[in-house]
């Protein structure tokens, strides 16, 4: 069940903005990639679900690679992808 308590939301924002941001991001990416891999392993998954899972894995891997780059290069890459 989801909580809409302002204190809970504030606490989650502090994680995303504080010194634990990078650790949180790594765990989030790892979790999502594993979730999409489980879809690929699911024999009952449809072709569409598999295609979406594969695409999302590629997106997360690309974002991780971009985030590991120096700041200026990363910002430039994001700008180029957005245009």
PDB file of N, CA and C in Angstrom:
ATOM      1  N   UNK A   1       0.846  -1.177   0.000  1.00  0.00           N
ATOM      2  CA  UNK A   1       0.000   0.000   0.000  1.00  0.00           C
ATOM      3  C   UNK A   1       0.894   1.243   0.000  1.00  0.00           C
ATOM      4  N   UNK A   2       0.540   2.188  -0.797  1.00  0.00           N
ATOM      5  CA  UNK A   2       1.313   3.399  -0.935  1.00  0.00           C
ATOM      6  C   UNK A   2       0.938   4.416   0.130  1.00  0.00           C
ATOM      7  N   UNK A   3       1.953   5.101   0.645  1.00  0.00           N
ATOM      8  CA  UNK A   3       1.705   6.115   1.662  1.00  0.00           C
ATOM      9  C   UNK A   3       1.777   7.498   1.020  1.00  0.00           C
ATOM     10  N   UNK A   4       0.852   8.338   1.368  1.00  0.00           N
ATOM     11  CA  UNK A   4       0.857   9.706   0.860  1.00  0.00           C
ATOM     12  C   UNK A   4       1.230  10.694   1.955  1.00  0.00           C
ATOM     13  N   UNK A   5       1.895  10.196   2.964  1.00  0.00           N
ATOM     14  CA  UNK A   5       2.340  11.023   4.077  1.00  0.00           C
ATOM     15  C   UNK A   5       3.449  11.949   3.580  1.00  0.00           C
ATOM     16  N   UNK A   6       3.350  13.235   3.861  1.00  0.00           N
ATOM     17  CA  UNK A   6       4.348  14.207   3.421  1.00  0.00           C
ATOM     18  C   UNK A   6       5.730  13.880   3.972  1.00  0.00           C
ATOM     19  N   UNK A   7       5.795  13.387   5.208  1.00  0.00           N
ATOM     20  CA  UNK A   7       7.082  13.023   5.802  1.00  0.00           C
ATOM     21  C   UNK A   7       7.761  11.901   5.041  1.00  0.00           C
ATOM     22  N   UNK A   8       6.985  10.932   4.579  1.00  0.00           N
ATOM     23  CA  UNK A   8       7.545   9.839   3.783  1.00  0.00           C
ATOM     24  C   UNK A   8       8.089  10.363   2.463  1.00  0.00           C
ATOM     25  N   UNK A   9       7.340  11.247   1.839  1.00  0.00           N
ATOM     26  CA  UNK A   9       7.784  11.818   0.574  1.00  0.00           C
ATOM     27  C   UNK A   9       9.059  12.637   0.772  1.00  0.00           C
ATOM     28  N   UNK A  10       9.110  13.422   1.816  1.00  0.00           N
ATOM     29  CA  UNK A  10      10.292  14.234   2.113  1.00  0.00           C
ATOM     30  C   UNK A  10      11.503  13.340   2.361  1.00  0.00           C
ATOM     31  N   UNK A  11      11.308  12.258   3.105  1.00  0.00           N
ATOM     32  CA  UNK A  11      12.417  11.337   3.384  1.00  0.00           C
ATOM     33  C   UNK A  11      12.947  10.731   2.100  1.00  0.00           C
ATOM     34  N   UNK A  12      12.059  10.360   1.176  1.00  0.00           N
ATOM     35  CA  UNK A  12      12.524   9.777  -0.081  1.00  0.00           C
ATOM     36  C   UNK A  12      13.248  10.822  -0.922  1.00  0.00           C
ATOM     37  N   UNK A  13      12.822  12.070  -0.870  1.00  0.00           N
ATOM     38  CA  UNK A  13      13.499  13.130  -1.605  1.00  0.00           C
ATOM     39  C   UNK A  13      14.889  13.389  -1.048  1.00  0.00           C
ATOM     40  N   UNK A  14      15.046  13.286   0.261  1.00  0.00           N
ATOM     41  CA  UNK A  14      16.360  13.494   0.861  1.00  0.00           C
ATOM     42  C   UNK A  14      17.338  12.442   0.375  1.00  0.00           C
ATOM     43  N   UNK A  15      16.880  11.208   0.210  1.00  0.00           N
ATOM     44  CA  UNK A  15      17.751  10.162  -0.320  1.00  0.00           C
ATOM     45  C   UNK A  15      18.172  10.517  -1.735  1.00  0.00           C
ATOM     46  N   UNK A  16      17.232  10.998  -2.531  1.00  0.00           N
ATOM     47  CA  UNK A  16      17.513  11.314  -3.924  1.00  0.00           C
ATOM     48  C   UNK A  16      18.398  12.543  -4.073  1.00  0.00           C
ATOM     49  N   UNK A  17      18.474  13.371  -3.045  1.00  0.00           N
ATOM     50  CA  UNK A  17      19.247  14.602  -3.148  1.00  0.00           C
ATOM     51  C   UNK A  17      20.506  14.585  -2.292  1.00  0.00           C
ATOM     52  N   UNK A  18      20.569  13.716  -1.321  1.00  0.00           N
ATOM     53  CA  UNK A  18      21.685  13.709  -0.390  1.00  0.00           C
ATOM     54  C   UNK A  18      22.857  12.873  -0.873  1.00  0.00           C
ATOM     55  N   UNK A  19      23.787  12.597   0.040  1.00  0.00           N
ATOM     56  CA  UNK A  19      24.995  11.861  -0.323  1.00  0.00           C
ATOM     57  C   UNK A  19      24.730  10.413  -0.735  1.00  0.00           C
ATOM     58  N   UNK A  20      23.569   9.887  -0.411  1.00  0.00           N
ATOM     59  CA  UNK A  20      23.244   8.509  -0.782  1.00  0.00           C
ATOM     60  C   UNK A  20      22.647   8.413  -2.183  1.00  0.00           C
ATOM     61  N   UNK A  21      22.599   9.535  -2.901  1.00  0.00           N
ATOM     62  CA  UNK A  21      21.961   9.573  -4.219  1.00  0.00           C
ATOM     63  C   UNK A  21      22.567   8.557  -5.179  1.00  0.00           C
ATOM     64  N   UNK A  22      23.880   8.492  -5.273  1.00  0.00           N
ATOM     65  CA  UNK A  22      24.519   7.587  -6.224  1.00  0.00           C
ATOM     66  C   UNK A  22      24.256   6.127  -5.847  1.00  0.00           C
ATOM     67  N   UNK A  23      24.332   5.805  -4.578  1.00  0.00           N
ATOM     68  CA  UNK A  23      24.058   4.435  -4.131  1.00  0.00           C
ATOM     69  C   UNK A  23      22.599   4.076  -4.417  1.00  0.00           C
ATOM     70  N   UNK A  24      21.694   5.017  -4.150  1.00  0.00           N
ATOM     71  CA  UNK A  24      20.277   4.789  -4.417  1.00  0.00           C
ATOM     72  C   UNK A  24      20.059   4.539  -5.910  1.00  0.00           C
ATOM     73  N   UNK A  25      20.679   5.362  -6.745  1.00  0.00           N
ATOM     74  CA  UNK A  25      20.525   5.243  -8.197  1.00  0.00           C
ATOM     75  C   UNK A  25      21.032   3.884  -8.685  1.00  0.00           C
ATOM     76  N   UNK A  26      22.197   3.455  -8.200  1.00  0.00           N
ATOM     77  CA  UNK A  26      22.748   2.172  -8.614  1.00  0.00           C
ATOM     78  C   UNK A  26      21.807   1.031  -8.251  1.00  0.00           C
ATOM     79  N   UNK A  27      21.262   1.064  -7.055  1.00  0.00           N
ATOM     80  CA  UNK A  27      20.339   0.012  -6.624  1.00  0.00           C
ATOM     81  C   UNK A  27      19.047   0.048  -7.440  1.00  0.00           C
ATOM     82  N   UNK A  28      18.561   1.227  -7.746  1.00  0.00           N
ATOM     83  CA  UNK A  28      17.347   1.375  -8.545  1.00  0.00           C
ATOM     84  C   UNK A  28      17.554   0.791  -9.942  1.00  0.00           C
ATOM     85  N   UNK A  29      18.670   1.121 -10.563  1.00  0.00           N
ATOM     86  CA  UNK A  29      18.971   0.615 -11.901  1.00  0.00           C
ATOM     87  C   UNK A  29      19.125  -0.902 -11.860  1.00  0.00           C
ATOM     88  N   UNK A  30      19.851  -1.383 -10.883  1.00  0.00           N
ATOM     89  CA  UNK A  30      20.058  -2.830 -10.738  1.00  0.00           C
ATOM     90  C   UNK A  30      18.715  -3.549 -10.576  1.00  0.00           C
ATOM     91  N   UNK A  31      17.851  -3.020  -9.731  1.00  0.00           N
ATOM     92  CA  UNK A  31      16.533  -3.609  -9.507  1.00  0.00           C
ATOM     93  C   UNK A  31      15.722  -3.651 -10.796  1.00  0.00           C
ATOM     94  N   UNK A  32      15.675  -2.528 -11.511  1.00  0.00           N
ATOM     95  CA  UNK A  32      14.886  -2.452 -12.741  1.00  0.00           C
ATOM     96  C   UNK A  32      15.422  -3.392 -13.817  1.00  0.00           C
ATOM     97  N   UNK A  33      16.737  -3.460 -13.979  1.00  0.00           N
ATOM     98  CA  UNK A  33      17.312  -4.364 -14.975  1.00  0.00           C
ATOM     99  C   UNK A  33      16.960  -5.810 -14.632  1.00  0.00           C
ATOM    100  N   UNK A  34      17.062  -6.175 -13.369  1.00  0.00           N
ATOM    101  CA  UNK A  34      16.709  -7.541 -12.960  1.00  0.00           C
ATOM    102  C   UNK A  34      15.225  -7.817 -13.191  1.00  0.00           C
ATOM    103  N   UNK A  35      14.402  -6.824 -12.955  1.00  0.00           N
ATOM    104  CA  UNK A  35      12.961  -6.988 -13.183  1.00  0.00           C
ATOM    105  C   UNK A  35      12.676  -7.238 -14.662  1.00  0.00           C
ATOM    106  N   UNK A  36      13.343  -6.482 -15.531  1.00  0.00           N
ATOM    107  CA  UNK A  36      13.141  -6.679 -16.963  1.00  0.00           C
ATOM    108  C   UNK A  36      13.731  -8.007 -17.439  1.00  0.00           C
ATOM    109  N   UNK A  37      14.836  -8.433 -16.850  1.00  0.00           N
ATOM    110  CA  UNK A  37      15.408  -9.730 -17.201  1.00  0.00           C
ATOM    111  C   UNK A  37      14.444 -10.854 -16.829  1.00  0.00           C
ATOM    112  N   UNK A  38      13.743 -10.691 -15.715  1.00  0.00           N
ATOM    113  CA  UNK A  38      12.787 -11.727 -15.315  1.00  0.00           C
ATOM    114  C   UNK A  38      11.644 -11.829 -16.330  1.00  0.00           C
ATOM    115  N   UNK A  39      11.276 -10.718 -16.937  1.00  0.00           N
ATOM    116  CA  UNK A  39      10.257 -10.750 -17.993  1.00  0.00           C
ATOM    117  C   UNK A  39      10.782 -11.525 -19.190  1.00  0.00           C
ATOM    118  N   UNK A  40      12.053 -11.300 -19.539  1.00  0.00           N
ATOM    119  CA  UNK A  40      12.640 -12.022 -20.673  1.00  0.00           C
ATOM    120  C   UNK A  40      12.707 -13.527 -20.414  1.00  0.00           C
ATOM    121  N   UNK A  41      12.876 -13.922 -19.157  1.00  0.00           N
ATOM    122  CA  UNK A  41      12.938 -15.346 -18.801  1.00  0.00           C
ATOM    123  C   UNK A  41      11.562 -15.979 -18.666  1.00  0.00           C
ATOM    124  N   UNK A  42      10.527 -15.173 -18.577  1.00  0.00           N
ATOM    125  CA  UNK A  42       9.168 -15.678 -18.362  1.00  0.00           C
ATOM    126  C   UNK A  42       8.634 -16.306 -19.652  1.00  0.00           C
ATOM    127  N   UNK A  43       8.360 -17.620 -19.627  1.00  0.00           N
ATOM    128  CA  UNK A  43       7.868 -18.268 -20.848  1.00  0.00           C
ATOM    129  C   UNK A  43       6.473 -17.797 -21.260  1.00  0.00           C
ATOM    130  N   UNK A  44       5.749 -17.169 -20.359  1.00  0.00           N
ATOM    131  CA  UNK A  44       4.406 -16.690 -20.683  1.00  0.00           C
ATOM    132  C   UNK A  44       4.380 -15.225 -21.135  1.00  0.00           C
ATOM    133  N   UNK A  45       5.534 -14.586 -21.164  1.00  0.00           N
ATOM    134  CA  UNK A  45       5.593 -13.185 -21.595  1.00  0.00           C
ATOM    135  C   UNK A  45       5.312 -13.096 -23.095  1.00  0.00           C
ATOM    136  N   UNK A  46       4.589 -12.065 -23.473  1.00  0.00           N
ATOM    137  CA  UNK A  46       4.282 -11.871 -24.894  1.00  0.00           C
ATOM    138  C   UNK A  46       5.485 -11.281 -25.610  1.00  0.00           C
ATOM    139  N   UNK A  47       5.450 -11.324 -26.931  1.00  0.00           N
ATOM    140  CA  UNK A  47       6.526 -10.723 -27.726  1.00  0.00           C
ATOM    141  C   UNK A  47       6.652  -9.230 -27.441  1.00  0.00           C
ATOM    142  N   UNK A  48       5.493  -8.581 -27.253  1.00  0.00           N
ATOM    143  CA  UNK A  48       5.499  -7.144 -26.955  1.00  0.00           C
ATOM    144  C   UNK A  48       6.165  -6.878 -25.601  1.00  0.00           C
ATOM    145  N   UNK A  49       5.823  -7.659 -24.583  1.00  0.00           N
ATOM    146  CA  UNK A  49       6.437  -7.494 -23.263  1.00  0.00           C
ATOM    147  C   UNK A  49       7.942  -7.713 -23.328  1.00  0.00           C
ATOM    148  N   UNK A  50       8.361  -8.715 -24.080  1.00  0.00           N
ATOM    149  CA  UNK A  50       9.797  -8.994 -24.235  1.00  0.00           C
ATOM    150  C   UNK A  50      10.511  -7.837 -24.946  1.00  0.00           C
ATOM    151  N   UNK A  51       9.881  -7.316 -25.993  1.00  0.00           N
ATOM    152  CA  UNK A  51      10.490  -6.207 -26.733  1.00  0.00           C
ATOM    153  C   UNK A  51      10.634  -4.972 -25.838  1.00  0.00           C
ATOM    154  N   UNK A  52       9.599  -4.692 -25.058  1.00  0.00           N
ATOM    155  CA  UNK A  52       9.658  -3.541 -24.145  1.00  0.00           C
ATOM    156  C   UNK A  52      10.736  -3.764 -23.096  1.00  0.00           C
ATOM    157  N   UNK A  53      10.794  -4.975 -22.524  1.00  0.00           N
ATOM    158  CA  UNK A  53      11.801  -5.275 -21.500  1.00  0.00           C
ATOM    159  C   UNK A  53      13.207  -5.107 -22.069  1.00  0.00           C
ATOM    160  N   UNK A  54      13.440  -5.627 -23.269  1.00  0.00           N
ATOM    161  CA  UNK A  54      14.766  -5.514 -23.884  1.00  0.00           C
ATOM    162  C   UNK A  54      15.121  -4.056 -24.139  1.00  0.00           C
ATOM    163  N   UNK A  55      14.148  -3.283 -24.610  1.00  0.00           N
ATOM    164  CA  UNK A  55      14.374  -1.863 -24.866  1.00  0.00           C
ATOM    165  C   UNK A  55      14.705  -1.112 -23.575  1.00  0.00           C
ATOM    166  N   UNK A  56      13.972  -1.419 -22.510  1.00  0.00           N
ATOM    167  CA  UNK A  56      14.209  -0.747 -21.234  1.00  0.00           C
ATOM    168  C   UNK A  56      15.566  -1.119 -20.644  1.00  0.00           C
ATOM    169  N   UNK A  57      15.970  -2.373 -20.799  1.00  0.00           N
ATOM    170  CA  UNK A  57      17.307  -2.774 -20.336  1.00  0.00           C
ATOM    171  C   UNK A  57      18.361  -1.952 -21.060  1.00  0.00           C
ATOM    172  N   UNK A  58      18.215  -1.820 -22.366  1.00  0.00           N
ATOM    173  CA  UNK A  58      19.170  -1.023 -23.153  1.00  0.00           C
ATOM    174  C   UNK A  58      19.168   0.433 -22.696  1.00  0.00           C
ATOM    175  N   UNK A  59      17.979   0.982 -22.414  1.00  0.00           N
ATOM    176  CA  UNK A  59      17.891   2.366 -21.935  1.00  0.00           C
ATOM    177  C   UNK A  59      18.620   2.546 -20.609  1.00  0.00           C
ATOM    178  N   UNK A  60      18.385   1.626 -19.662  1.00  0.00           N
ATOM    179  CA  UNK A  60      19.053   1.726 -18.360  1.00  0.00           C
ATOM    180  C   UNK A  60      20.560   1.569 -18.499  1.00  0.00           C
ATOM    181  N   UNK A  61      21.007   0.682 -19.369  1.00  0.00           N
ATOM    182  CA  UNK A  61      22.446   0.500 -19.557  1.00  0.00           C
ATOM    183  C   UNK A  61      23.069   1.755 -20.168  1.00  0.00           C
ATOM    184  N   UNK A  62      22.357   2.368 -21.116  1.00  0.00           N
ATOM    185  CA  UNK A  62      22.856   3.598 -21.732  1.00  0.00           C
ATOM    186  C   UNK A  62      22.896   4.745 -20.722  1.00  0.00           C
ATOM    187  N   UNK A  63      21.838   4.871 -19.904  1.00  0.00           N
ATOM    188  CA  UNK A  63      21.814   5.921 -18.883  1.00  0.00           C
ATOM    189  C   UNK A  63      22.947   5.728 -17.883  1.00  0.00           C
ATOM    190  N   UNK A  64      23.210   4.496 -17.512  1.00  0.00           N
ATOM    191  CA  UNK A  64      24.288   4.212 -16.565  1.00  0.00           C
ATOM    192  C   UNK A  64      25.635   4.601 -17.147  1.00  0.00           C
ATOM    193  N   UNK A  65      25.819   4.306 -18.418  1.00  0.00           N
ATOM    194  CA  UNK A  65      27.064   4.663 -19.096  1.00  0.00           C
ATOM    195  C   UNK A  65      27.222   6.177 -19.165  1.00  0.00           C
ATOM    196  N   UNK A  66      26.132   6.868 -19.499  1.00  0.00           N
ATOM    197  CA  UNK A  66      26.188   8.331 -19.583  1.00  0.00           C
ATOM    198  C   UNK A  66      26.452   8.948 -18.217  1.00  0.00           C
ATOM    199  N   UNK A  67      25.855   8.413 -17.178  1.00  0.00           N
ATOM    200  CA  UNK A  67      26.028   8.965 -15.833  1.00  0.00           C
ATOM    201  C   UNK A  67      27.449   8.778 -15.332  1.00  0.00           C
ATOM    202  N   UNK A  68      28.167   7.795 -15.848  1.00  0.00           N
ATOM    203  CA  UNK A  68      29.537   7.545 -15.417  1.00  0.00           C
ATOM    204  C   UNK A  68      30.531   8.507 -16.085  1.00  0.00           C
ATOM    205  N   UNK A  69      30.083   9.222 -17.104  1.00  0.00           N
ATOM    206  CA  UNK A  69      30.949  10.167 -17.812  1.00  0.00           C
ATOM    207  C   UNK A  69      31.113  11.446 -16.998  1.00  0.00           C
ATOM    208  N   UNK A  70      32.165  12.212 -17.297  1.00  0.00           N
ATOM    209  CA  UNK A  70      32.320  13.525 -16.651  1.00  0.00           C
ATOM    210  C   UNK A  70      31.099  14.411 -16.930  1.00  0.00           C
ATOM    211  N   UNK A  71      30.793  15.295 -16.025  1.00  0.00           N
ATOM    212  CA  UNK A  71      29.571  16.106 -16.064  1.00  0.00           C
ATOM    213  C   UNK A  71      29.324  16.816 -17.391  1.00  0.00           C
ATOM    214  N   UNK A  72      30.291  17.550 -17.897  1.00  0.00           N
ATOM    215  CA  UNK A  72      30.079  18.323 -19.116  1.00  0.00           C
ATOM    216  C   UNK A  72      29.745  17.410 -20.292  1.00  0.00           C
ATOM    217  N   UNK A  73      30.445  16.306 -20.406  1.00  0.00           N
ATOM    218  CA  UNK A  73      30.195  15.377 -21.499  1.00  0.00           C
ATOM    219  C   UNK A  73      28.808  14.752 -21.360  1.00  0.00           C
ATOM    220  N   UNK A  74      28.420  14.417 -20.122  1.00  0.00           N
ATOM    221  CA  UNK A  74      27.113  13.812 -19.870  1.00  0.00           C
ATOM    222  C   UNK A  74      25.993  14.782 -20.231  1.00  0.00           C
ATOM    223  N   UNK A  75      26.119  16.026 -19.831  1.00  0.00           N
ATOM    224  CA  UNK A  75      25.096  17.037 -20.134  1.00  0.00           C
ATOM    225  C   UNK A  75      24.980  17.242 -21.628  1.00  0.00           C
ATOM    226  N   UNK A  76      26.102  17.296 -22.309  1.00  0.00           N
ATOM    227  CA  UNK A  76      26.081  17.460 -23.764  1.00  0.00           C
ATOM    228  C   UNK A  76      25.386  16.263 -24.419  1.00  0.00           C
ATOM    229  N   UNK A  77      25.663  15.046 -23.964  1.00  0.00           N
ATOM    230  CA  UNK A  77      25.046  13.852 -24.523  1.00  0.00           C
ATOM    231  C   UNK A  77      23.530  13.863 -24.300  1.00  0.00           C
ATOM    232  N   UNK A  78      23.085  14.252 -23.119  1.00  0.00           N
ATOM    233  CA  UNK A  78      21.659  14.329 -22.827  1.00  0.00           C
ATOM    234  C   UNK A  78      21.003  15.351 -23.741  1.00  0.00           C
ATOM    235  N   UNK A  79      21.660  16.487 -23.940  1.00  0.00           N
ATOM    236  CA  UNK A  79      21.130  17.521 -24.816  1.00  0.00           C
ATOM    237  C   UNK A  79      20.984  16.997 -26.253  1.00  0.00           C
ATOM    238  N   UNK A  80      21.988  16.277 -26.740  1.00  0.00           N
ATOM    239  CA  UNK A  80      21.942  15.745 -28.090  1.00  0.00           C
ATOM    240  C   UNK A  80      20.842  14.692 -28.239  1.00  0.00           C
ATOM    241  N   UNK A  81      20.646  13.874 -27.213  1.00  0.00           N
ATOM    242  CA  UNK A  81      19.595  12.859 -27.273  1.00  0.00           C
ATOM    243  C   UNK A  81      18.208  13.485 -27.264  1.00  0.00           C
ATOM    244  N   UNK A  82      18.079  14.605 -26.567  1.00  0.00           N
ATOM    245  CA  UNK A  82      16.778  15.254 -26.447  1.00  0.00           C
ATOM    246  C   UNK A  82      16.390  16.019 -27.709  1.00  0.00           C
ATOM    247  N   UNK A  83      17.384  16.382 -28.495  1.00  0.00           N
ATOM    248  CA  UNK A  83      17.060  17.186 -29.691  1.00  0.00           C
ATOM    249  C   UNK A  83      16.858  16.356 -30.926  1.00  0.00           C
TER     250      UNK A  83
END
